[in-house]
Full PDB file with SEQRES, HELIX, SHEET, SSBOND, CRYST1, ORIGX, SCALE, CONECT and MASTER records, all heavy atoms in Angstrom:
SEQRES   1 A   37  LEU ARG VAL HIS VAL ARG GLU GLU LEU GLY VAL ASP PRO          
SEQRES   2 A   37  ASP ASP GLN PRO SER PRO TRP ALA ALA ALA ILE SER SER          
SEQRES   3 A   37  PHE LEU PHE PHE SER VAL GLY ALA VAL VAL PRO                  
HELIX    1 AA1 ARG A    2  LEU A    9  1                                   8    
HELIX    2 AA2 PRO A   19  VAL A   35  1                                  17    
CRYST1    1.000    1.000    1.000  90.00  90.00  90.00 P 1           1          
ORIGX1      1.000000  0.000000  0.000000        0.00000                         
ORIGX2      0.000000  1.000000  0.000000        0.00000                         
ORIGX3      0.000000  0.000000  1.000000        0.00000                         
SCALE1      1.000000  0.000000  0.000000        0.00000                         
SCALE2      0.000000  1.000000  0.000000        0.00000                         
SCALE3      0.000000  0.000000  1.000000        0.00000                         
ATOM      1  N   LEU A   1     -21.196   9.654  -1.575  1.00  0.00           N  
ATOM      2  CA  LEU A   1     -20.570   8.376  -1.895  1.00  0.00           C  
ATOM      3  C   LEU A   1     -19.360   8.129  -1.003  1.00  0.00           C  
ATOM      4  O   LEU A   1     -19.195   7.031  -0.446  1.00  0.00           O  
ATOM      5  CB  LEU A   1     -20.152   8.354  -3.362  1.00  0.00           C  
ATOM      6  CG  LEU A   1     -19.408   7.098  -3.832  1.00  0.00           C  
ATOM      7  CD1 LEU A   1     -20.304   5.875  -3.707  1.00  0.00           C  
ATOM      8  CD2 LEU A   1     -18.923   7.280  -5.265  1.00  0.00           C  
ATOM      9  N   ARG A   2     -18.508   9.139  -0.844  1.00  0.00           N  
ATOM     10  CA  ARG A   2     -17.323   8.974  -0.008  1.00  0.00           C  
ATOM     11  C   ARG A   2     -17.705   8.660   1.441  1.00  0.00           C  
ATOM     12  O   ARG A   2     -17.096   7.796   2.077  1.00  0.00           O  
ATOM     13  CB  ARG A   2     -16.460  10.235  -0.073  1.00  0.00           C  
ATOM     14  CG  ARG A   2     -15.633  10.365  -1.340  1.00  0.00           C  
ATOM     15  CD  ARG A   2     -14.634  11.490  -1.244  1.00  0.00           C  
ATOM     16  NE  ARG A   2     -15.286  12.788  -1.319  1.00  0.00           N  
ATOM     17  CZ  ARG A   2     -15.513  13.448  -2.450  1.00  0.00           C  
ATOM     18  NH1 ARG A   2     -15.143  12.903  -3.608  1.00  0.00           N  
ATOM     19  NH2 ARG A   2     -16.092  14.629  -2.444  1.00  0.00           N  
ATOM     20  N   VAL A   3     -18.699   9.383   1.960  1.00  0.00           N  
ATOM     21  CA  VAL A   3     -19.108   9.164   3.345  1.00  0.00           C  
ATOM     22  C   VAL A   3     -19.670   7.762   3.529  1.00  0.00           C  
ATOM     23  O   VAL A   3     -19.338   7.062   4.499  1.00  0.00           O  
ATOM     24  CB  VAL A   3     -20.140  10.228   3.777  1.00  0.00           C  
ATOM     25  CG1 VAL A   3     -20.717   9.884   5.141  1.00  0.00           C  
ATOM     26  CG2 VAL A   3     -19.503  11.610   3.810  1.00  0.00           C  
ATOM     27  N   HIS A   4     -20.518   7.324   2.615  1.00  0.00           N  
ATOM     28  CA  HIS A   4     -21.106   5.982   2.732  1.00  0.00           C  
ATOM     29  C   HIS A   4     -20.030   4.901   2.654  1.00  0.00           C  
ATOM     30  O   HIS A   4     -20.086   3.910   3.394  1.00  0.00           O  
ATOM     31  CB  HIS A   4     -22.150   5.770   1.630  1.00  0.00           C  
ATOM     32  CG  HIS A   4     -23.488   6.350   1.956  1.00  0.00           C  
ATOM     33  ND1 HIS A   4     -24.484   5.629   2.584  1.00  0.00           N  
ATOM     34  CD2 HIS A   4     -24.007   7.597   1.748  1.00  0.00           C  
ATOM     35  CE1 HIS A   4     -25.549   6.402   2.751  1.00  0.00           C  
ATOM     36  NE2 HIS A   4     -25.283   7.601   2.243  1.00  0.00           N  
ATOM     37  N   VAL A   5     -19.072   5.081   1.761  1.00  0.00           N  
ATOM     38  CA  VAL A   5     -18.010   4.087   1.618  1.00  0.00           C  
ATOM     39  C   VAL A   5     -17.169   4.032   2.892  1.00  0.00           C  
ATOM     40  O   VAL A   5     -16.809   2.947   3.377  1.00  0.00           O  
ATOM     41  CB  VAL A   5     -17.124   4.401   0.394  1.00  0.00           C  
ATOM     42  CG1 VAL A   5     -15.875   3.532   0.393  1.00  0.00           C  
ATOM     43  CG2 VAL A   5     -17.912   4.181  -0.895  1.00  0.00           C  
ATOM     44  N   ARG A   6     -16.855   5.197   3.445  1.00  0.00           N  
ATOM     45  CA  ARG A   6     -16.066   5.209   4.685  1.00  0.00           C  
ATOM     46  C   ARG A   6     -16.831   4.544   5.819  1.00  0.00           C  
ATOM     47  O   ARG A   6     -16.273   3.780   6.607  1.00  0.00           O  
ATOM     48  CB  ARG A   6     -15.711   6.645   5.066  1.00  0.00           C  
ATOM     49  CG  ARG A   6     -14.717   7.324   4.147  1.00  0.00           C  
ATOM     50  CD  ARG A   6     -14.220   8.617   4.750  1.00  0.00           C  
ATOM     51  NE  ARG A   6     -13.451   9.403   3.802  1.00  0.00           N  
ATOM     52  CZ  ARG A   6     -13.907  10.475   3.163  1.00  0.00           C  
ATOM     53  NH1 ARG A   6     -15.152  10.894   3.403  1.00  0.00           N  
ATOM     54  NH2 ARG A   6     -13.150  11.142   2.323  1.00  0.00           N  
ATOM     55  N   GLU A   7     -18.112   4.866   5.927  1.00  0.00           N  
ATOM     56  CA  GLU A   7     -18.905   4.326   7.033  1.00  0.00           C  
ATOM     57  C   GLU A   7     -19.165   2.832   6.886  1.00  0.00           C  
ATOM     58  O   GLU A   7     -19.121   2.089   7.869  1.00  0.00           O  
ATOM     59  CB  GLU A   7     -20.251   5.071   7.115  1.00  0.00           C  
ATOM     60  CG  GLU A   7     -20.142   6.513   7.576  1.00  0.00           C  
ATOM     61  CD  GLU A   7     -19.690   6.633   9.014  1.00  0.00           C  
ATOM     62  OE1 GLU A   7     -20.004   5.741   9.817  1.00  0.00           O  
ATOM     63  OE2 GLU A   7     -19.000   7.619   9.336  1.00  0.00           O  
ATOM     64  N   GLU A   8     -19.436   2.387   5.676  1.00  0.00           N  
ATOM     65  CA  GLU A   8     -19.838   1.003   5.474  1.00  0.00           C  
ATOM     66  C   GLU A   8     -18.667   0.061   5.200  1.00  0.00           C  
ATOM     67  O   GLU A   8     -18.717  -1.113   5.578  1.00  0.00           O  
ATOM     68  CB  GLU A   8     -20.848   0.913   4.322  1.00  0.00           C  
ATOM     69  CG  GLU A   8     -22.153   1.658   4.610  1.00  0.00           C  
ATOM     70  CD  GLU A   8     -23.137   1.581   3.456  1.00  0.00           C  
ATOM     71  OE1 GLU A   8     -23.118   0.559   2.744  1.00  0.00           O  
ATOM     72  OE2 GLU A   8     -23.912   2.537   3.263  1.00  0.00           O  
ATOM     73  N   LEU A   9     -17.626   0.566   4.533  1.00  0.00           N  
ATOM     74  CA  LEU A   9     -16.486  -0.288   4.197  1.00  0.00           C  
ATOM     75  C   LEU A   9     -15.258  -0.011   5.041  1.00  0.00           C  
ATOM     76  O   LEU A   9     -14.335  -0.828   5.090  1.00  0.00           O  
ATOM     77  CB  LEU A   9     -16.122  -0.122   2.713  1.00  0.00           C  
ATOM     78  CG  LEU A   9     -17.224  -0.425   1.693  1.00  0.00           C  
ATOM     79  CD1 LEU A   9     -16.701  -0.200   0.284  1.00  0.00           C  
ATOM     80  CD2 LEU A   9     -17.726  -1.847   1.863  1.00  0.00           C  
ATOM     81  N   GLY A  10     -15.225   1.155   5.674  1.00  0.00           N  
ATOM     82  CA  GLY A  10     -14.066   1.504   6.491  1.00  0.00           C  
ATOM     83  C   GLY A  10     -12.847   1.872   5.687  1.00  0.00           C  
ATOM     84  O   GLY A  10     -11.712   1.758   6.175  1.00  0.00           O  
ATOM     85  N   VAL A  11     -13.026   2.313   4.432  1.00  0.00           N  
ATOM     86  CA  VAL A  11     -11.897   2.714   3.591  1.00  0.00           C  
ATOM     87  C   VAL A  11     -12.182   4.070   2.976  1.00  0.00           C  
ATOM     88  O   VAL A  11     -13.337   4.494   2.870  1.00  0.00           O  
ATOM     89  CB  VAL A  11     -11.627   1.690   2.465  1.00  0.00           C  
ATOM     90  CG1 VAL A  11     -11.248   0.337   3.034  1.00  0.00           C  
ATOM     91  CG2 VAL A  11     -12.824   1.564   1.542  1.00  0.00           C  
ATOM     92  N   ASP A  12     -11.109   4.748   2.582  1.00  0.00           N  
ATOM     93  CA  ASP A  12     -11.238   6.021   1.878  1.00  0.00           C  
ATOM     94  C   ASP A  12     -11.038   5.756   0.390  1.00  0.00           C  
ATOM     95  O   ASP A  12      -9.920   5.399  -0.025  1.00  0.00           O  
ATOM     96  CB  ASP A  12     -10.200   7.010   2.381  1.00  0.00           C  
ATOM     97  CG  ASP A  12     -10.388   8.406   1.793  1.00  0.00           C  
ATOM     98  OD1 ASP A  12     -11.086   8.530   0.763  1.00  0.00           O  
ATOM     99  OD2 ASP A  12      -9.841   9.369   2.360  1.00  0.00           O  
ATOM    100  N   PRO A  13     -12.065   5.895  -0.436  1.00  0.00           N  
ATOM    101  CA  PRO A  13     -11.917   5.566  -1.862  1.00  0.00           C  
ATOM    102  C   PRO A  13     -10.925   6.464  -2.590  1.00  0.00           C  
ATOM    103  O   PRO A  13     -10.450   6.111  -3.667  1.00  0.00           O  
ATOM    104  CB  PRO A  13     -13.344   5.744  -2.407  1.00  0.00           C  
ATOM    105  CG  PRO A  13     -14.001   6.692  -1.465  1.00  0.00           C  
ATOM    106  CD  PRO A  13     -13.421   6.382  -0.120  1.00  0.00           C  
ATOM    107  N   ASP A  14     -10.619   7.630  -2.005  1.00  0.00           N  
ATOM    108  CA  ASP A  14      -9.682   8.553  -2.641  1.00  0.00           C  
ATOM    109  C   ASP A  14      -8.259   8.387  -2.138  1.00  0.00           C  
ATOM    110  O   ASP A  14      -7.366   9.147  -2.512  1.00  0.00           O  
ATOM    111  CB  ASP A  14     -10.133   9.997  -2.412  1.00  0.00           C  
ATOM    112  CG  ASP A  14     -11.483  10.290  -3.044  1.00  0.00           C  
ATOM    113  OD1 ASP A  14     -11.761   9.694  -4.107  1.00  0.00           O  
ATOM    114  OD2 ASP A  14     -12.250  11.084  -2.477  1.00  0.00           O  
ATOM    115  N   ASP A  15      -8.017   7.427  -1.257  1.00  0.00           N  
ATOM    116  CA  ASP A  15      -6.688   7.279  -0.659  1.00  0.00           C  
ATOM    117  C   ASP A  15      -6.289   5.813  -0.628  1.00  0.00           C  
ATOM    118  O   ASP A  15      -6.006   5.251   0.421  1.00  0.00           O  
ATOM    119  CB  ASP A  15      -6.680   7.869   0.757  1.00  0.00           C  
ATOM    120  CG  ASP A  15      -5.277   7.934   1.346  1.00  0.00           C  
ATOM    121  OD1 ASP A  15      -4.309   7.999   0.570  1.00  0.00           O  
ATOM    122  OD2 ASP A  15      -5.157   7.905   2.600  1.00  0.00           O  
ATOM    123  N   GLN A  16      -6.272   5.202  -1.814  1.00  0.00           N  
ATOM    124  CA  GLN A  16      -5.877   3.810  -1.923  1.00  0.00           C  
ATOM    125  C   GLN A  16      -4.389   3.702  -2.259  1.00  0.00           C  
ATOM    126  O   GLN A  16      -3.854   4.524  -2.993  1.00  0.00           O  
ATOM    127  CB  GLN A  16      -6.707   3.105  -2.995  1.00  0.00           C  
ATOM    128  CG  GLN A  16      -8.193   3.014  -2.669  1.00  0.00           C  
ATOM    129  CD  GLN A  16      -8.441   2.294  -1.365  1.00  0.00           C  
ATOM    130  OE1 GLN A  16      -8.120   1.120  -1.219  1.00  0.00           O  
ATOM    131  NE2 GLN A  16      -8.992   3.003  -0.390  1.00  0.00           N  
ATOM    132  N   PRO A  17      -3.692   2.713  -1.710  1.00  0.00           N  
ATOM    133  CA  PRO A  17      -2.252   2.576  -1.963  1.00  0.00           C  
ATOM    134  C   PRO A  17      -1.955   2.225  -3.414  1.00  0.00           C  
ATOM    135  O   PRO A  17      -2.775   1.600  -4.101  1.00  0.00           O  
ATOM    136  CB  PRO A  17      -1.841   1.445  -1.024  1.00  0.00           C  
ATOM    137  CG  PRO A  17      -3.092   0.671  -0.793  1.00  0.00           C  
ATOM    138  CD  PRO A  17      -4.210   1.674  -0.803  1.00  0.00           C  
ATOM    139  N   SER A  18      -0.782   2.613  -3.865  1.00  0.00           N  
ATOM    140  CA  SER A  18      -0.355   2.311  -5.229  1.00  0.00           C  
ATOM    141  C   SER A  18       0.275   0.923  -5.284  1.00  0.00           C  
ATOM    142  O   SER A  18       1.210   0.635  -4.537  1.00  0.00           O  
ATOM    143  CB  SER A  18       0.679   3.344  -5.698  1.00  0.00           C  
ATOM    144  OG  SER A  18       1.363   2.887  -6.847  1.00  0.00           O  
ATOM    145  N   PRO A  19      -0.199   0.047  -6.172  1.00  0.00           N  
ATOM    146  CA  PRO A  19       0.421  -1.279  -6.282  1.00  0.00           C  
ATOM    147  C   PRO A  19       1.871  -1.206  -6.750  1.00  0.00           C  
ATOM    148  O   PRO A  19       2.705  -2.019  -6.341  1.00  0.00           O  
ATOM    149  CB  PRO A  19      -0.465  -2.012  -7.288  1.00  0.00           C  
ATOM    150  CG  PRO A  19      -1.208  -0.950  -8.023  1.00  0.00           C  
ATOM    151  CD  PRO A  19      -1.359   0.191  -7.073  1.00  0.00           C  
ATOM    152  N   TRP A  20       2.181  -0.210  -7.591  1.00  0.00           N  
ATOM    153  CA  TRP A  20       3.565  -0.066  -8.057  1.00  0.00           C  
ATOM    154  C   TRP A  20       4.486   0.381  -6.938  1.00  0.00           C  
ATOM    155  O   TRP A  20       5.615  -0.110  -6.807  1.00  0.00           O  
ATOM    156  CB  TRP A  20       3.636   0.922  -9.226  1.00  0.00           C  
ATOM    157  CG  TRP A  20       3.183   0.331 -10.527  1.00  0.00           C  
ATOM    158  CD1 TRP A  20       2.045   0.617 -11.214  1.00  0.00           C  
ATOM    159  CD2 TRP A  20       3.853  -0.678 -11.284  1.00  0.00           C  
ATOM    160  NE1 TRP A  20       1.956  -0.150 -12.350  1.00  0.00           N  
ATOM    161  CE2 TRP A  20       3.053  -0.943 -12.427  1.00  0.00           C  
ATOM    162  CE3 TRP A  20       5.039  -1.383 -11.112  1.00  0.00           C  
ATOM    163  CZ2 TRP A  20       3.423  -1.890 -13.385  1.00  0.00           C  
ATOM    164  CZ3 TRP A  20       5.403  -2.333 -12.068  1.00  0.00           C  
ATOM    165  CH2 TRP A  20       4.595  -2.573 -13.188  1.00  0.00           C  
ATOM    166  N   ALA A  21       4.011   1.320  -6.114  1.00  0.00           N  
ATOM    167  CA  ALA A  21       4.822   1.765  -4.974  1.00  0.00           C  
ATOM    168  C   ALA A  21       5.064   0.608  -4.019  1.00  0.00           C  
ATOM    169  O   ALA A  21       6.181   0.423  -3.505  1.00  0.00           O  
ATOM    170  CB  ALA A  21       4.125   2.915  -4.254  1.00  0.00           C  
ATOM    171  N   ALA A  22       4.036  -0.188  -3.768  1.00  0.00           N  
ATOM    172  CA  ALA A  22       4.178  -1.332  -2.871  1.00  0.00           C  
ATOM    173  C   ALA A  22       5.151  -2.359  -3.445  1.00  0.00           C  
ATOM    174  O   ALA A  22       6.008  -2.896  -2.725  1.00  0.00           O  
ATOM    175  CB  ALA A  22       2.818  -1.977  -2.630  1.00  0.00           C  
ATOM    176  N   ALA A  23       5.035  -2.641  -4.747  1.00  0.00           N  
ATOM    177  CA  ALA A  23       5.892  -3.650  -5.382  1.00  0.00           C  
ATOM    178  C   ALA A  23       7.354  -3.212  -5.385  1.00  0.00           C  
ATOM    179  O   ALA A  23       8.251  -3.989  -5.020  1.00  0.00           O  
ATOM    180  CB  ALA A  23       5.415  -3.906  -6.807  1.00  0.00           C  
ATOM    181  N   ILE A  24       7.609  -1.985  -5.802  1.00  0.00           N  
ATOM    182  CA  ILE A  24       8.987  -1.502  -5.880  1.00  0.00           C  
ATOM    183  C   ILE A  24       9.610  -1.403  -4.494  1.00  0.00           C  
ATOM    184  O   ILE A  24      10.768  -1.780  -4.272  1.00  0.00           O  
ATOM    185  CB  ILE A  24       9.027  -0.137  -6.599  1.00  0.00           C  
ATOM    186  CG1 ILE A  24       8.628  -0.318  -8.064  1.00  0.00           C  
ATOM    187  CG2 ILE A  24      10.416   0.490  -6.506  1.00  0.00           C  
ATOM    188  CD1 ILE A  24       8.421   0.978  -8.818  1.00  0.00           C  
ATOM    189  N   SER A  25       8.835  -0.897  -3.547  1.00  0.00           N  
ATOM    190  CA  SER A  25       9.331  -0.781  -2.180  1.00  0.00           C  
ATOM    191  C   SER A  25       9.685  -2.148  -1.608  1.00  0.00           C  
ATOM    192  O   SER A  25      10.741  -2.339  -1.005  1.00  0.00           O  
ATOM    193  CB  SER A  25       8.270  -0.095  -1.309  1.00  0.00           C  
ATOM    194  OG  SER A  25       8.692  -0.013   0.028  1.00  0.00           O  
ATOM    195  N   SER A  26       8.793  -3.111  -1.795  1.00  0.00           N  
ATOM    196  CA  SER A  26       9.032  -4.463  -1.281  1.00  0.00           C  
ATOM    197  C   SER A  26      10.254  -5.091  -1.946  1.00  0.00           C  
ATOM    198  O   SER A  26      11.098  -5.701  -1.275  1.00  0.00           O  
ATOM    199  CB  SER A  26       7.796  -5.326  -1.529  1.00  0.00           C  
ATOM    200  OG  SER A  26       7.984  -6.618  -1.031  1.00  0.00           O  
ATOM    201  N   PHE A  27      10.364  -4.948  -3.266  1.00  0.00           N  
ATOM    202  CA  PHE A  27      11.499  -5.507  -4.014  1.00  0.00           C  
ATOM    203  C   PHE A  27      12.821  -4.942  -3.515  1.00  0.00           C  
ATOM    204  O   PHE A  27      13.772  -5.676  -3.220  1.00  0.00           O  
ATOM    205  CB  PHE A  27      11.318  -5.219  -5.505  1.00  0.00           C  
ATOM    206  CG  PHE A  27      12.447  -5.712  -6.368  1.00  0.00           C  
ATOM    207  CD1 PHE A  27      12.384  -6.974  -6.937  1.00  0.00           C  
ATOM    208  CD2 PHE A  27      13.557  -4.915  -6.616  1.00  0.00           C  
ATOM    209  CE1 PHE A  27      13.426  -7.440  -7.734  1.00  0.00           C  
ATOM    210  CE2 PHE A  27      14.601  -5.374  -7.406  1.00  0.00           C  
ATOM    211  CZ  PHE A  27      14.537  -6.636  -7.968  1.00  0.00           C  
ATOM    212  N   LEU A  28      12.889  -3.614  -3.405  1.00  0.00           N  
ATOM    213  CA  LEU A  28      14.145  -2.971  -3.025  1.00  0.00           C  
ATOM    214  C   LEU A  28      14.538  -3.289  -1.588  1.00  0.00           C  
ATOM    215  O   LEU A  28      15.695  -3.628  -1.305  1.00  0.00           O  
ATOM    216  CB  LEU A  28      14.027  -1.456  -3.207  1.00  0.00           C  
ATOM    217  CG  LEU A  28      13.915  -0.955  -4.649  1.00  0.00           C  
ATOM    218  CD1 LEU A  28      13.747   0.563  -4.673  1.00  0.00           C  
ATOM    219  CD2 LEU A  28      15.152  -1.353  -5.457  1.00  0.00           C  
ATOM    220  N   PHE A  29      13.576  -3.199  -0.664  1.00  0.00           N  
ATOM    221  CA  PHE A  29      13.918  -3.399   0.734  1.00  0.00           C  
ATOM    222  C   PHE A  29      14.178  -4.867   1.055  1.00  0.00           C  
ATOM    223  O   PHE A  29      14.974  -5.171   1.945  1.00  0.00           O  
ATOM    224  CB  PHE A  29      12.831  -2.804   1.633  1.00  0.00           C  
ATOM    225  CG  PHE A  29      12.960  -1.322   1.791  1.00  0.00           C  
ATOM    226  CD1 PHE A  29      12.381  -0.455   0.882  1.00  0.00           C  
ATOM    227  CD2 PHE A  29      13.692  -0.792   2.837  1.00  0.00           C  
ATOM    228  CE1 PHE A  29      12.510   0.914   1.013  1.00  0.00           C  
ATOM    229  CE2 PHE A  29      13.833   0.578   2.987  1.00  0.00           C  
ATOM    230  CZ  PHE A  29      13.239   1.436   2.071  1.00  0.00           C  
ATOM    231  N   PHE A  30      13.525  -5.791   0.344  1.00  0.00           N  
ATOM    232  CA  PHE A  30      13.873  -7.196   0.507  1.00  0.00           C  
ATOM    233  C   PHE A  30      15.326  -7.410   0.094  1.00  0.00           C  
ATOM    234  O   PHE A  30      16.081  -8.106   0.780  1.00  0.00           O  
ATOM    235  CB  PHE A  30      12.956  -8.080  -0.333  1.00  0.00           C  
ATOM    236  CG  PHE A  30      13.214  -9.557  -0.154  1.00  0.00           C  
ATOM    237  CD1 PHE A  30      12.434 -10.304   0.709  1.00  0.00           C  
ATOM    238  CD2 PHE A  30      14.245 -10.202  -0.837  1.00  0.00           C  
ATOM    239  CE1 PHE A  30      12.666 -11.666   0.885  1.00  0.00           C  
ATOM    240  CE2 PHE A  30      14.494 -11.546  -0.670  1.00  0.00           C  
ATOM    241  CZ  PHE A  30      13.709 -12.288   0.193  1.00  0.00           C  
ATOM    242  N   SER A  31      15.713  -6.817  -1.033  1.00  0.00           N  
ATOM    243  CA  SER A  31      17.085  -6.969  -1.520  1.00  0.00           C  
ATOM    244  C   SER A  31      18.089  -6.422  -0.517  1.00  0.00           C  
ATOM    245  O   SER A  31      19.129  -7.042  -0.253  1.00  0.00           O  
ATOM    246  CB  SER A  31      17.245  -6.250  -2.864  1.00  0.00           C  
ATOM    247  OG  SER A  31      16.363  -6.781  -3.829  1.00  0.00           O  
ATOM    248  N   VAL A  32      17.784  -5.253   0.048  1.00  0.00           N  
ATOM    249  CA  VAL A  32      18.683  -4.653   1.042  1.00  0.00           C  
ATOM    250  C   VAL A  32      18.805  -5.563   2.259  1.00  0.00           C  
ATOM    251  O   VAL A  32      19.910  -5.826   2.764  1.00  0.00           O  
ATOM    252  CB  VAL A  32      18.178  -3.261   1.461  1.00  0.00           C  
ATOM    253  CG1 VAL A  32      18.970  -2.733   2.655  1.00  0.00           C  
ATOM    254  CG2 VAL A  32      18.288  -2.285   0.297  1.00  0.00           C  
ATOM    255  N   GLY A  33      17.660  -6.059   2.750  1.00  0.00           N  
ATOM    256  CA  GLY A  33      17.706  -6.937   3.909  1.00  0.00           C  
ATOM    257  C   GLY A  33      18.454  -8.232   3.621  1.00  0.00           C  
ATOM    258  O   GLY A  33      19.243  -8.705   4.441  1.00  0.00           O  
ATOM    259  N   ALA A  34      18.244  -8.797   2.442  1.00  0.00           N  
ATOM    260  CA  ALA A  34      18.852 -10.084   2.111  1.00  0.00           C  
ATOM    261  C   ALA A  34      20.357  -9.998   1.924  1.00  0.00           C  
ATOM    262  O   ALA A  34      21.076 -10.988   2.142  1.00  0.00           O  
ATOM    263  CB  ALA A  34      18.208 -10.654   0.847  1.00  0.00           C  
ATOM    264  N   VAL A  35      20.866  -8.839   1.528  1.00  0.00           N  
ATOM    265  CA  VAL A  35      22.301  -8.721   1.280  1.00  0.00           C  
ATOM    266  C   VAL A  35      23.090  -8.560   2.575  1.00  0.00           C  
ATOM    267  O   VAL A  35      24.306  -8.800   2.597  1.00  0.00           O  
ATOM    268  CB  VAL A  35      22.596  -7.547   0.322  1.00  0.00           C  
ATOM    269  CG1 VAL A  35      22.637  -6.213   1.066  1.00  0.00           C  
ATOM    270  CG2 VAL A  35      23.896  -7.772  -0.440  1.00  0.00           C  
ATOM    271  N   VAL A  36      22.419  -8.173   3.667  1.00  0.00           N  
ATOM    272  CA  VAL A  36      23.127  -7.933   4.932  1.00  0.00           C  
ATOM    273  C   VAL A  36      23.876  -9.172   5.421  1.00  0.00           C  
ATOM    274  O   VAL A  36      25.090  -9.121   5.663  1.00  0.00           O  
ATOM    275  CB  VAL A  36      22.165  -7.387   6.005  1.00  0.00           C  
ATOM    276  CG1 VAL A  36      22.835  -7.376   7.381  1.00  0.00           C  
ATOM    277  CG2 VAL A  36      21.708  -5.987   5.636  1.00  0.00           C  
ATOM    278  N   PRO A  37      23.215 -10.320   5.609  1.00  0.00           N  
ATOM    279  CA  PRO A  37      23.964 -11.489   6.083  1.00  0.00           C  
ATOM    280  C   PRO A  37      24.962 -12.035   5.058  1.00  0.00           C  
ATOM    281  O   PRO A  37      25.899 -12.761   5.418  1.00  0.00           O  
ATOM    282  CB  PRO A  37      22.873 -12.523   6.383  1.00  0.00           C  
ATOM    283  CG  PRO A  37      21.723 -12.126   5.532  1.00  0.00           C  
ATOM    284  CD  PRO A  37      21.774 -10.628   5.465  1.00  0.00           C  
TER     285      PRO A  37                                                      
MASTER        0    0    0    2    0    0    0    6  284    1    0    3          
END                                                                             
């Protein structure tokens, strides 16, 4: 299953990004960037 998914979809089903990590990271770093000016 993993091999077929990698070959046909180009993704690793066992290595998907965390939506919470993405959301928190984006929130925090946007705030840091916005406070500079």
